[in-house]
C-alpha atoms as a PDB file:
ATOM      1  CA  UNK A   1      -4.003   2.420 -25.723  1.00  0.00           C
ATOM      2  CA  UNK A   2      -5.816   2.627 -29.073  1.00  0.00           C
ATOM      3  CA  UNK A   3      -9.341   1.285 -29.415  1.00  0.00           C
ATOM      4  CA  UNK A   4      -9.941  -2.013 -31.141  1.00  0.00           C
ATOM      5  CA  UNK A   5     -11.990  -1.579 -34.333  1.00  0.00           C
ATOM      6  CA  UNK A   6     -14.705  -3.896 -35.669  1.00  0.00           C
ATOM      7  CA  UNK A   7     -16.062  -2.753 -39.045  1.00  0.00           C
ATOM      8  CA  UNK A   8     -19.154  -4.639 -40.232  1.00  0.00           C
ATOM      9  CA  UNK A   9     -20.497  -4.361 -43.782  1.00  0.00           C
ATOM     10  CA  UNK A  10     -23.971  -5.861 -44.300  1.00  0.00           C
ATOM     11  CA  UNK A  11     -23.707  -6.470 -48.020  1.00  0.00           C
ATOM     12  CA  UNK A  12     -26.589  -4.957 -50.048  1.00  0.00           C
ATOM     13  CA  UNK A  13     -28.570  -3.933 -46.967  1.00  0.00           C
ATOM     14  CA  UNK A  14     -31.000  -1.186 -47.828  1.00  0.00           C
ATOM     15  CA  UNK A  15     -31.602   1.597 -45.330  1.00  0.00           C
ATOM     16  CA  UNK A  16     -35.331   0.960 -45.066  1.00  0.00           C
ATOM     17  CA  UNK A  17     -34.776  -2.791 -44.700  1.00  0.00           C
ATOM     18  CA  UNK A  18     -32.618  -2.038 -41.686  1.00  0.00           C
ATOM     19  CA  UNK A  19     -35.206   0.388 -40.328  1.00  0.00           C
ATOM     20  CA  UNK A  20     -37.985  -2.202 -40.626  1.00  0.00           C
ATOM     21  CA  UNK A  21     -35.999  -4.857 -38.736  1.00  0.00           C
ATOM     22  CA  UNK A  22     -36.152  -5.453 -34.995  1.00  0.00           C
ATOM     23  CA  UNK A  23     -32.548  -4.993 -33.808  1.00  0.00           C
ATOM     24  CA  UNK A  24     -32.279  -4.823 -29.996  1.00  0.00           C
ATOM     25  CA  UNK A  25     -28.524  -5.485 -29.981  1.00  0.00           C
ATOM     26  CA  UNK A  26     -27.599  -3.007 -32.697  1.00  0.00           C
ATOM     27  CA  UNK A  27     -29.937  -0.453 -31.134  1.00  0.00           C
ATOM     28  CA  UNK A  28     -27.520  -0.352 -28.210  1.00  0.00           C
ATOM     29  CA  UNK A  29     -25.114   1.487 -30.541  1.00  0.00           C
ATOM     30  CA  UNK A  30     -27.769   4.107 -31.262  1.00  0.00           C
ATOM     31  CA  UNK A  31     -30.147   4.959 -34.084  1.00  0.00           C
ATOM     32  CA  UNK A  32     -28.953   4.276 -37.615  1.00  0.00           C
ATOM     33  CA  UNK A  33     -28.401   7.280 -39.872  1.00  0.00           C
ATOM     34  CA  UNK A  34     -29.430   7.353 -43.518  1.00  0.00           C
ATOM     35  CA  UNK A  35     -26.195   7.737 -45.457  1.00  0.00           C
ATOM     36  CA  UNK A  36     -25.069   7.143 -49.022  1.00  0.00           C
ATOM     37  CA  UNK A  37     -22.550   4.745 -50.504  1.00  0.00           C
ATOM     38  CA  UNK A  38     -19.786   5.985 -52.792  1.00  0.00           C
ATOM     39  CA  UNK A  39     -20.609   3.161 -55.241  1.00  0.00           C
ATOM     40  CA  UNK A  40     -23.481   0.904 -56.259  1.00  0.00           C
ATOM     41  CA  UNK A  41     -21.569  -2.386 -56.381  1.00  0.00           C
ATOM     42  CA  UNK A  42     -19.619  -4.475 -53.895  1.00  0.00           C
ATOM     43  CA  UNK A  43     -16.004  -4.131 -55.087  1.00  0.00           C
ATOM     44  CA  UNK A  44     -15.764  -0.369 -55.718  1.00  0.00           C
ATOM     45  CA  UNK A  45     -17.694   0.377 -52.548  1.00  0.00           C
ATOM     46  CA  UNK A  46     -15.337  -1.746 -50.444  1.00  0.00           C
ATOM     47  CA  UNK A  47     -12.311  -0.044 -51.995  1.00  0.00           C
ATOM     48  CA  UNK A  48     -13.756   3.299 -50.875  1.00  0.00           C
ATOM     49  CA  UNK A  49     -14.545   1.965 -47.388  1.00  0.00           C
ATOM     50  CA  UNK A  50     -11.007   0.659 -46.983  1.00  0.00           C
ATOM     51  CA  UNK A  51      -9.621   4.044 -48.000  1.00  0.00           C
ATOM     52  CA  UNK A  52     -11.127   5.276 -44.725  1.00  0.00           C
ATOM     53  CA  UNK A  53     -14.119   6.885 -46.426  1.00  0.00           C
ATOM     54  CA  UNK A  54     -17.273   5.825 -44.593  1.00  0.00           C
ATOM     55  CA  UNK A  55     -20.682   6.261 -46.302  1.00  0.00           C
ATOM     56  CA  UNK A  56     -21.399   9.948 -46.613  1.00  0.00           C
ATOM     57  CA  UNK A  57     -24.140  12.381 -45.758  1.00  0.00           C
ATOM     58  CA  UNK A  58     -25.228  14.781 -48.476  1.00  0.00           C
ATOM     59  CA  UNK A  59     -24.686  18.280 -47.072  1.00  0.00           C
ATOM     60  CA  UNK A  60     -25.506  21.335 -49.151  1.00  0.00           C
ATOM     61  CA  UNK A  61     -23.722  24.666 -49.219  1.00  0.00           C
ATOM     62  CA  UNK A  62     -20.298  23.263 -48.335  1.00  0.00           C
ATOM     63  CA  UNK A  63     -17.140  22.411 -50.240  1.00  0.00           C
ATOM     64  CA  UNK A  64     -16.771  18.656 -50.798  1.00  0.00           C
ATOM     65  CA  UNK A  65     -13.119  18.893 -49.746  1.00  0.00           C
ATOM     66  CA  UNK A  66     -14.198  20.128 -46.304  1.00  0.00           C
ATOM     67  CA  UNK A  67     -16.525  17.155 -45.892  1.00  0.00           C
ATOM     68  CA  UNK A  68     -13.674  14.745 -46.658  1.00  0.00           C
ATOM     69  CA  UNK A  69     -11.362  16.544 -44.242  1.00  0.00           C
ATOM     70  CA  UNK A  70     -13.888  16.406 -41.398  1.00  0.00           C
ATOM     71  CA  UNK A  71     -14.674  12.746 -42.064  1.00  0.00           C
ATOM     72  CA  UNK A  72     -11.038  11.642 -41.954  1.00  0.00           C
ATOM     73  CA  UNK A  73     -10.542  13.622 -38.709  1.00  0.00           C
ATOM     74  CA  UNK A  74     -13.226  11.477 -37.048  1.00  0.00           C
ATOM     75  CA  UNK A  75     -10.785   8.547 -36.992  1.00  0.00           C
ATOM     76  CA  UNK A  76      -9.111  10.321 -34.047  1.00  0.00           C
ATOM     77  CA  UNK A  77     -12.132   9.693 -31.827  1.00  0.00           C
ATOM     78  CA  UNK A  78     -12.923   6.272 -33.286  1.00  0.00           C
ATOM     79  CA  UNK A  79      -9.459   4.916 -32.585  1.00  0.00           C
ATOM     80  CA  UNK A  80      -8.424   7.131 -29.658  1.00  0.00           C
ATOM     81  CA  UNK A  81      -5.269   8.029 -31.589  1.00  0.00           C
ATOM     82  CA  UNK A  82      -4.447  11.766 -31.694  1.00  0.00           C
ATOM     83  CA  UNK A  83      -3.370  13.691 -34.775  1.00  0.00           C
ATOM     84  CA  UNK A  84      -4.906  11.441 -37.414  1.00  0.00           C
ATOM     85  CA  UNK A  85      -5.957  13.324 -40.530  1.00  0.00           C
ATOM     86  CA  UNK A  86      -6.223  12.938 -44.266  1.00  0.00           C
ATOM     87  CA  UNK A  87      -2.436  13.356 -44.449  1.00  0.00           C
ATOM     88  CA  UNK A  88      -2.040  10.240 -42.285  1.00  0.00           C
ATOM     89  CA  UNK A  89      -3.675   8.198 -45.040  1.00  0.00           C
ATOM     90  CA  UNK A  90      -1.405   9.533 -47.803  1.00  0.00           C
ATOM     91  CA  UNK A  91       0.081   8.146 -49.992  1.00  0.00           C
ATOM     92  CA  UNK A  92      -1.486   4.674 -49.703  1.00  0.00           C
ATOM     93  CA  UNK A  93      -5.024   5.886 -48.920  1.00  0.00           C
ATOM     94  CA  UNK A  94      -5.541   2.688 -46.973  1.00  0.00           C
ATOM     95  CA  UNK A  95      -7.228   2.293 -43.601  1.00  0.00           C
ATOM     96  CA  UNK A  96      -5.588  -1.100 -42.917  1.00  0.00           C
ATOM     97  CA  UNK A  97      -2.156   0.407 -43.748  1.00  0.00           C
ATOM     98  CA  UNK A  98      -2.730   3.266 -41.296  1.00  0.00           C
ATOM     99  CA  UNK A  99      -3.782   0.769 -38.644  1.00  0.00           C
ATOM    100  CA  UNK A 100      -0.800  -1.506 -39.307  1.00  0.00           C
ATOM    101  CA  UNK A 101       1.471   1.502 -38.838  1.00  0.00           C
ATOM    102  CA  UNK A 102      -0.237   2.116 -35.485  1.00  0.00           C
ATOM    103  CA  UNK A 103       0.475  -1.433 -34.311  1.00  0.00           C
ATOM    104  CA  UNK A 104      -2.839  -3.081 -35.141  1.00  0.00           C
ATOM    105  CA  UNK A 105      -3.235  -6.657 -36.298  1.00  0.00           C
ATOM    106  CA  UNK A 106      -5.468  -6.377 -39.367  1.00  0.00           C
ATOM    107  CA  UNK A 107      -7.922  -9.216 -40.015  1.00  0.00           C
ATOM    108  CA  UNK A 108     -10.610  -9.548 -42.696  1.00  0.00           C
ATOM    109  CA  UNK A 109     -13.375 -12.093 -43.207  1.00  0.00           C
ATOM    110  CA  UNK A 110     -15.402 -11.673 -46.395  1.00  0.00           C
ATOM    111  CA  UNK A 111     -18.396 -13.415 -47.945  1.00  0.00           C
ATOM    112  CA  UNK A 112     -18.481 -12.268 -51.569  1.00  0.00           C
ATOM    113  CA  UNK A 113     -16.244 -14.002 -54.174  1.00  0.00           C
ATOM    114  CA  UNK A 114     -15.470 -10.635 -55.822  1.00  0.00           C
ATOM    115  CA  UNK A 115     -13.598  -9.768 -52.608  1.00  0.00           C
ATOM    116  CA  UNK A 116     -11.531 -12.957 -52.547  1.00  0.00           C
ATOM    117  CA  UNK A 117      -8.020 -12.981 -51.125  1.00  0.00           C
ATOM    118  CA  UNK A 118      -6.339 -12.778 -54.548  1.00  0.00           C
ATOM    119  CA  UNK A 119      -7.795  -9.338 -55.257  1.00  0.00           C
ATOM    120  CA  UNK A 120      -5.860  -6.196 -54.423  1.00  0.00           C
ATOM    121  CA  UNK A 121      -8.361  -5.371 -51.683  1.00  0.00           C
ATOM    122  CA  UNK A 122      -6.398  -7.851 -49.546  1.00  0.00           C
ATOM    123  CA  UNK A 123      -3.414  -5.470 -49.372  1.00  0.00           C
ATOM    124  CA  UNK A 124      -2.224  -4.548 -45.854  1.00  0.00           C
ATOM    125  CA  UNK A 125      -4.206  -7.276 -44.089  1.00  0.00           C
ATOM    126  CA  UNK A 126      -2.267  -9.679 -41.882  1.00  0.00           C
ATOM    127  CA  UNK A 127      -5.021 -12.300 -42.091  1.00  0.00           C
ATOM    128  CA  UNK A 128      -7.584 -12.281 -44.909  1.00  0.00           C
ATOM    129  CA  UNK A 129     -10.069 -15.046 -45.717  1.00  0.00           C
ATOM    130  CA  UNK A 130     -13.023 -15.667 -48.004  1.00  0.00           C
ATOM    131  CA  UNK A 131     -15.523 -17.675 -45.980  1.00  0.00           C
ATOM    132  CA  UNK A 132     -16.560 -21.056 -47.457  1.00  0.00           C
ATOM    133  CA  UNK A 133     -20.210 -19.982 -47.432  1.00  0.00           C
ATOM    134  CA  UNK A 134     -21.650 -16.588 -48.361  1.00  0.00           C
ATOM    135  CA  UNK A 135     -23.898 -16.596 -45.272  1.00  0.00           C
ATOM    136  CA  UNK A 136     -21.554 -17.485 -42.413  1.00  0.00           C
ATOM    137  CA  UNK A 137     -21.462 -14.521 -40.055  1.00  0.00           C
ATOM    138  CA  UNK A 138     -21.822 -17.095 -37.275  1.00  0.00           C
ATOM    139  CA  UNK A 139     -18.491 -18.606 -38.343  1.00  0.00           C
ATOM    140  CA  UNK A 140     -16.857 -15.170 -38.337  1.00  0.00           C
ATOM    141  CA  UNK A 141     -18.058 -14.480 -34.804  1.00  0.00           C
ATOM    142  CA  UNK A 142     -16.661 -17.827 -33.638  1.00  0.00           C
ATOM    143  CA  UNK A 143     -13.218 -16.895 -35.042  1.00  0.00           C
ATOM    144  CA  UNK A 144     -13.037 -13.436 -33.477  1.00  0.00           C
ATOM    145  CA  UNK A 145     -10.815 -13.168 -30.442  1.00  0.00           C
ATOM    146  CA  UNK A 146      -8.820 -10.563 -28.568  1.00  0.00           C
ATOM    147  CA  UNK A 147      -6.010 -12.594 -26.927  1.00  0.00           C
ATOM    148  CA  UNK A 148      -4.088  -9.635 -25.497  1.00  0.00           C
ATOM    149  CA  UNK A 149      -4.132  -5.859 -25.238  1.00  0.00           C
ATOM    150  CA  UNK A 150      -2.587  -5.282 -28.671  1.00  0.00           C
ATOM    151  CA  UNK A 151      -5.137  -3.476 -30.873  1.00  0.00           C
ATOM    152  CA  UNK A 152      -7.014  -5.465 -33.492  1.00  0.00           C
ATOM    153  CA  UNK A 153      -8.931  -4.433 -36.600  1.00  0.00           C
ATOM    154  CA  UNK A 154     -11.631  -6.827 -37.803  1.00  0.00           C
ATOM    155  CA  UNK A 155     -13.186  -6.062 -41.186  1.00  0.00           C
ATOM    156  CA  UNK A 156     -16.264  -8.220 -41.837  1.00  0.00           C
ATOM    157  CA  UNK A 157     -18.271  -8.440 -45.071  1.00  0.00           C
ATOM    158  CA  UNK A 158     -21.573 -10.220 -44.342  1.00  0.00           C
ATOM    159  CA  UNK A 159     -23.375 -12.036 -47.143  1.00  0.00           C
ATOM    160  CA  UNK A 160     -26.636 -12.837 -45.362  1.00  0.00           C
ATOM    161  CA  UNK A 161     -28.247  -9.591 -46.560  1.00  0.00           C
ATOM    162  CA  UNK A 162     -27.020 -10.108 -50.155  1.00  0.00           C
ATOM    163  CA  UNK A 163     -29.263 -11.842 -52.692  1.00  0.00           C
ATOM    164  CA  UNK A 164     -30.587 -14.548 -52.310  1.00  0.00           C
ATOM    165  CA  UNK A 165     -30.951 -13.481 -48.627  1.00  0.00           C
ATOM    166  CA  UNK A 166     -30.639 -17.072 -47.500  1.00  0.00           C
ATOM    167  CA  UNK A 167     -30.245 -18.407 -44.019  1.00  0.00           C
ATOM    168  CA  UNK A 168     -29.180 -21.963 -43.303  1.00  0.00           C
ATOM    169  CA  UNK A 169     -31.411 -24.576 -44.942  1.00  0.00           C
ATOM    170  CA  UNK A 170     -33.515 -22.125 -46.926  1.00  0.00           C
ATOM    171  CA  UNK A 171     -34.200 -22.211 -50.657  1.00  0.00           C
ATOM    172  CA  UNK A 172     -35.273 -19.071 -52.494  1.00  0.00           C
ATOM    173  CA  UNK A 173     -35.558 -18.073 -56.177  1.00  0.00           C
ATOM    174  CA  UNK A 174     -32.173 -17.423 -57.764  1.00  0.00           C
ATOM    175  CA  UNK A 175     -31.235 -15.016 -60.526  1.00  0.00           C
ATOM    176  CA  UNK A 176     -27.998 -13.538 -61.871  1.00  0.00           C
ATOM    177  CA  UNK A 177     -25.629 -12.586 -59.091  1.00  0.00           C
ATOM    178  CA  UNK A 178     -23.485 -14.590 -56.733  1.00  0.00           C
ATOM    179  CA  UNK A 179     -25.092 -17.780 -58.118  1.00  0.00           C
ATOM    180  CA  UNK A 180     -25.323 -16.621 -61.750  1.00  0.00           C
ATOM    181  CA  UNK A 181     -22.963 -14.305 -63.598  1.00  0.00           C
ATOM    182  CA  UNK A 182     -19.898 -14.908 -61.419  1.00  0.00           C
ATOM    183  CA  UNK A 183     -20.042 -18.675 -61.898  1.00  0.00           C
ATOM    184  CA  UNK A 184     -20.424 -18.344 -65.669  1.00  0.00           C
ATOM    185  CA  UNK A 185     -17.471 -16.037 -66.293  1.00  0.00           C
ATOM    186  CA  UNK A 186     -15.242 -18.929 -67.348  1.00  0.00           C
ATOM    187  CA  UNK A 187     -17.417 -20.127 -70.241  1.00  0.00           C
ATOM    188  CA  UNK A 188     -19.343 -18.716 -73.173  1.00  0.00           C
ATOM    189  CA  UNK A 189     -22.791 -19.509 -71.834  1.00  0.00           C
ATOM    190  CA  UNK A 190     -24.971 -16.486 -71.268  1.00  0.00           C
ATOM    191  CA  UNK A 191     -27.154 -16.383 -68.193  1.00  0.00           C
ATOM    192  CA  UNK A 192     -30.715 -17.360 -69.002  1.00  0.00           C
ATOM    193  CA  UNK A 193     -33.084 -14.441 -68.988  1.00  0.00           C
ATOM    194  CA  UNK A 194     -35.860 -14.837 -66.468  1.00  0.00           C
ATOM    195  CA  UNK A 195     -39.232 -13.233 -66.210  1.00  0.00           C
ATOM    196  CA  UNK A 196     -39.039 -10.190 -63.962  1.00  0.00           C
ATOM    197  CA  UNK A 197     -40.483 -10.914 -60.533  1.00  0.00           C
ATOM    198  CA  UNK A 198     -44.014  -9.877 -59.702  1.00  0.00           C
ATOM    199  CA  UNK A 199     -44.498  -7.208 -57.031  1.00  0.00           C
ATOM    200  CA  UNK A 200     -45.536  -9.854 -54.503  1.00  0.00           C
ATOM    201  CA  UNK A 201     -42.244 -11.663 -55.080  1.00  0.00           C
ATOM    202  CA  UNK A 202     -40.286  -8.435 -54.687  1.00  0.00           C
ATOM    203  CA  UNK A 203     -42.038  -7.767 -51.388  1.00  0.00           C
ATOM    204  CA  UNK A 204     -41.237 -11.289 -50.218  1.00  0.00           C
ATOM    205  CA  UNK A 205     -37.574 -10.850 -51.091  1.00  0.00           C
ATOM    206  CA  UNK A 206     -37.306  -7.582 -49.169  1.00  0.00           C
ATOM    207  CA  UNK A 207     -39.096  -9.179 -46.213  1.00  0.00           C
ATOM    208  CA  UNK A 208     -36.448 -11.890 -46.329  1.00  0.00           C
ATOM    209  CA  UNK A 209     -33.671  -9.290 -46.306  1.00  0.00           C
ATOM    210  CA  UNK A 210     -35.287  -7.755 -43.223  1.00  0.00           C
ATOM    211  CA  UNK A 211     -35.322 -11.207 -41.624  1.00  0.00           C
ATOM    212  CA  UNK A 212     -31.622 -11.569 -42.356  1.00  0.00           C
ATOM    213  CA  UNK A 213     -30.892  -8.245 -40.620  1.00  0.00           C
ATOM    214  CA  UNK A 214     -32.674  -9.593 -37.545  1.00  0.00           C
ATOM    215  CA  UNK A 215     -30.640 -12.810 -37.736  1.00  0.00           C
ATOM    216  CA  UNK A 216     -27.436 -10.740 -37.887  1.00  0.00           C
ATOM    217  CA  UNK A 217     -28.592  -8.734 -34.873  1.00  0.00           C
ATOM    218  CA  UNK A 218     -28.853 -11.941 -32.844  1.00  0.00           C
ATOM    219  CA  UNK A 219     -25.229 -12.744 -33.632  1.00  0.00           C
ATOM    220  CA  UNK A 220     -24.188  -9.171 -32.846  1.00  0.00           C
ATOM    221  CA  UNK A 221     -25.116  -9.898 -29.240  1.00  0.00           C
ATOM    222  CA  UNK A 222     -22.598 -12.771 -29.225  1.00  0.00           C
ATOM    223  CA  UNK A 223     -20.000 -10.521 -30.854  1.00  0.00           C
ATOM    224  CA  UNK A 224     -20.473  -7.842 -28.171  1.00  0.00           C
ATOM    225  CA  UNK A 225     -19.780 -10.435 -25.490  1.00  0.00           C
ATOM    226  CA  UNK A 226     -16.362 -11.193 -27.057  1.00  0.00           C
ATOM    227  CA  UNK A 227     -15.173  -7.597 -27.478  1.00  0.00           C
ATOM    228  CA  UNK A 228     -13.152  -5.664 -24.874  1.00  0.00           C
ATOM    229  CA  UNK A 229     -14.709  -2.434 -23.551  1.00  0.00           C
ATOM    230  CA  UNK A 230     -12.430  -0.262 -25.709  1.00  0.00           C
ATOM    231  CA  UNK A 231     -13.850  -1.599 -28.975  1.00  0.00           C
ATOM    232  CA  UNK A 232     -15.250   0.846 -31.513  1.00  0.00           C
ATOM    233  CA  UNK A 233     -17.828  -0.663 -33.859  1.00  0.00           C
ATOM    234  CA  UNK A 234     -18.993   0.593 -37.236  1.00  0.00           C
ATOM    235  CA  UNK A 235     -22.007  -1.083 -38.849  1.00  0.00           C
ATOM    236  CA  UNK A 236     -23.098  -0.110 -42.349  1.00  0.00           C
ATOM    237  CA  UNK A 237     -23.697  -1.461 -45.871  1.00  0.00           C
ATOM    238  CA  UNK A 238     -21.703  -1.219 -49.085  1.00  0.00           C
ATOM    239  CA  UNK A 239     -24.753  -0.192 -51.120  1.00  0.00           C
ATOM    240  CA  UNK A 240     -28.514  -0.642 -51.197  1.00  0.00           C
ATOM    241  CA  UNK A 241     -30.793  -2.839 -53.270  1.00  0.00           C
ATOM    242  CA  UNK A 242     -33.737  -2.387 -55.627  1.00  0.00           C
ATOM    243  CA  UNK A 243     -36.905  -4.413 -55.118  1.00  0.00           C
ATOM    244  CA  UNK A 244     -38.826  -3.380 -58.213  1.00  0.00           C
ATOM    245  CA  UNK A 245     -38.710   0.395 -57.822  1.00  0.00           C
ATOM    246  CA  UNK A 246     -38.438   2.063 -61.218  1.00  0.00           C
ATOM    247  CA  UNK A 247     -38.330  -1.357 -62.881  1.00  0.00           C
ATOM    248  CA  UNK A 248     -35.036  -2.365 -61.235  1.00  0.00           C
ATOM    249  CA  UNK A 249     -34.001  -5.371 -59.199  1.00  0.00           C
ATOM    250  CA  UNK A 250     -30.661  -5.716 -57.449  1.00  0.00           C
ATOM    251  CA  UNK A 251     -27.724  -3.307 -57.592  1.00  0.00           C
ATOM    252  CA  UNK A 252     -24.695  -2.426 -59.693  1.00  0.00           C
ATOM    253  CA  UNK A 253     -25.506  -0.856 -63.065  1.00  0.00           C
ATOM    254  CA  UNK A 254     -28.421   1.000 -61.471  1.00  0.00           C
ATOM    255  CA  UNK A 255     -28.849   4.734 -60.922  1.00  0.00           C
ATOM    256  CA  UNK A 256     -31.546   4.958 -58.285  1.00  0.00           C
ATOM    257  CA  UNK A 257     -31.484   6.487 -54.807  1.00  0.00           C
ATOM    258  CA  UNK A 258     -32.402   3.180 -53.134  1.00  0.00           C
ATOM    259  CA  UNK A 259     -29.242   1.652 -54.603  1.00  0.00           C
ATOM    260  CA  UNK A 260     -27.119   4.156 -52.657  1.00  0.00           C
ATOM    261  CA  UNK A 261     -29.038   4.548 -49.380  1.00  0.00           C
ATOM    262  CA  UNK A 262     -27.409   2.621 -46.535  1.00  0.00           C
ATOM    263  CA  UNK A 263     -27.727   2.477 -42.740  1.00  0.00           C
ATOM    264  CA  UNK A 264     -24.807   3.772 -40.707  1.00  0.00           C
ATOM    265  CA  UNK A 265     -24.228   3.509 -36.975  1.00  0.00           C
ATOM    266  CA  UNK A 266     -21.144   3.485 -34.813  1.00  0.00           C
ATOM    267  CA  UNK A 267     -19.901   3.798 -31.275  1.00  0.00           C
ATOM    268  CA  UNK A 268     -17.865   2.283 -28.496  1.00  0.00           C
ATOM    269  CA  UNK A 269     -18.975  -1.122 -27.238  1.00  0.00           C
ATOM    270  CA  UNK A 270     -22.176  -0.432 -25.309  1.00  0.00           C
ATOM    271  CA  UNK A 271     -22.225  -1.231 -21.600  1.00  0.00           C
END
C-alpha cells in the first residue's frame, strides 16, 4: 500500500537556526540539507510546495528542466507509488490532487492567517483548518490520527518559528507581521514605524527561534509515536529570515541569501 505522508513546514525557519538547535528526534531522520525556497514569503512559497516542488538545491551545469523532472520523480520513492512523474501532476499541478486521486485523505493544519481556509491554497484538501493560535503545533499533534490502513496526507504549517517566535506564556517585542500589517489591512491606519532593533536584540530573536525549533523537536517525538511504520516525513521551511544582515529584518520583500536558505530533511519513520 502507499506510504502515509506527513509534510511539516516550520514557517520562517532559517537553515542556520535549525543547525544551531539540539534536535534529537529530527536527527533520527538524518542530517538536514541546506536548500533554497522558491519564494521569500509564506503564501507563494506554500503554493510552490503544494505543487509538489520541494525546496531546491542549486546545481550548476545542468538544465533547470532536468532538475524539475528528477525532483518530481522522487515522489515515487516517497509514496511507494510507481510511475509518478511530472505528467502525473498535470494539469492541476497540485500535490493534494495527485494524492486524492491515489486514494489519500488530505488534511491540512495551518498557523498563518494568509493561509486561511478561504484562500485557494485550500483546494483539494478534504479537511483544512486554520489553528486558533499561531503557535499550536501541540494541538496539531493531538489531532493527528491514522484510524485505518487508508493512506493519509497531513500538511502542517507551524507558526512557532515565525516572528515573534513565541511559546506559550511568553511576551516578546512585536513589529509588523502577523501582529501588525495583517491586522491593519481593514483600516487606513499605517503601521507605526519603530526603531530598528539593535544587534543584541537581533541575536536574542534568533536565539528564540532556535529555542522554538527545539520545542518543535520535542513534539516531533510525540508525532513519531502516532505514525504507522510506512509514514514518509518531510520537514522543511517555507523561507528563511533576516536578523539584521545587510540591514534587513524578517522576510518577504527581501533579496538576501538568508531569506531563501532553508533546512530540508526527509525519510521513512525512523525505527
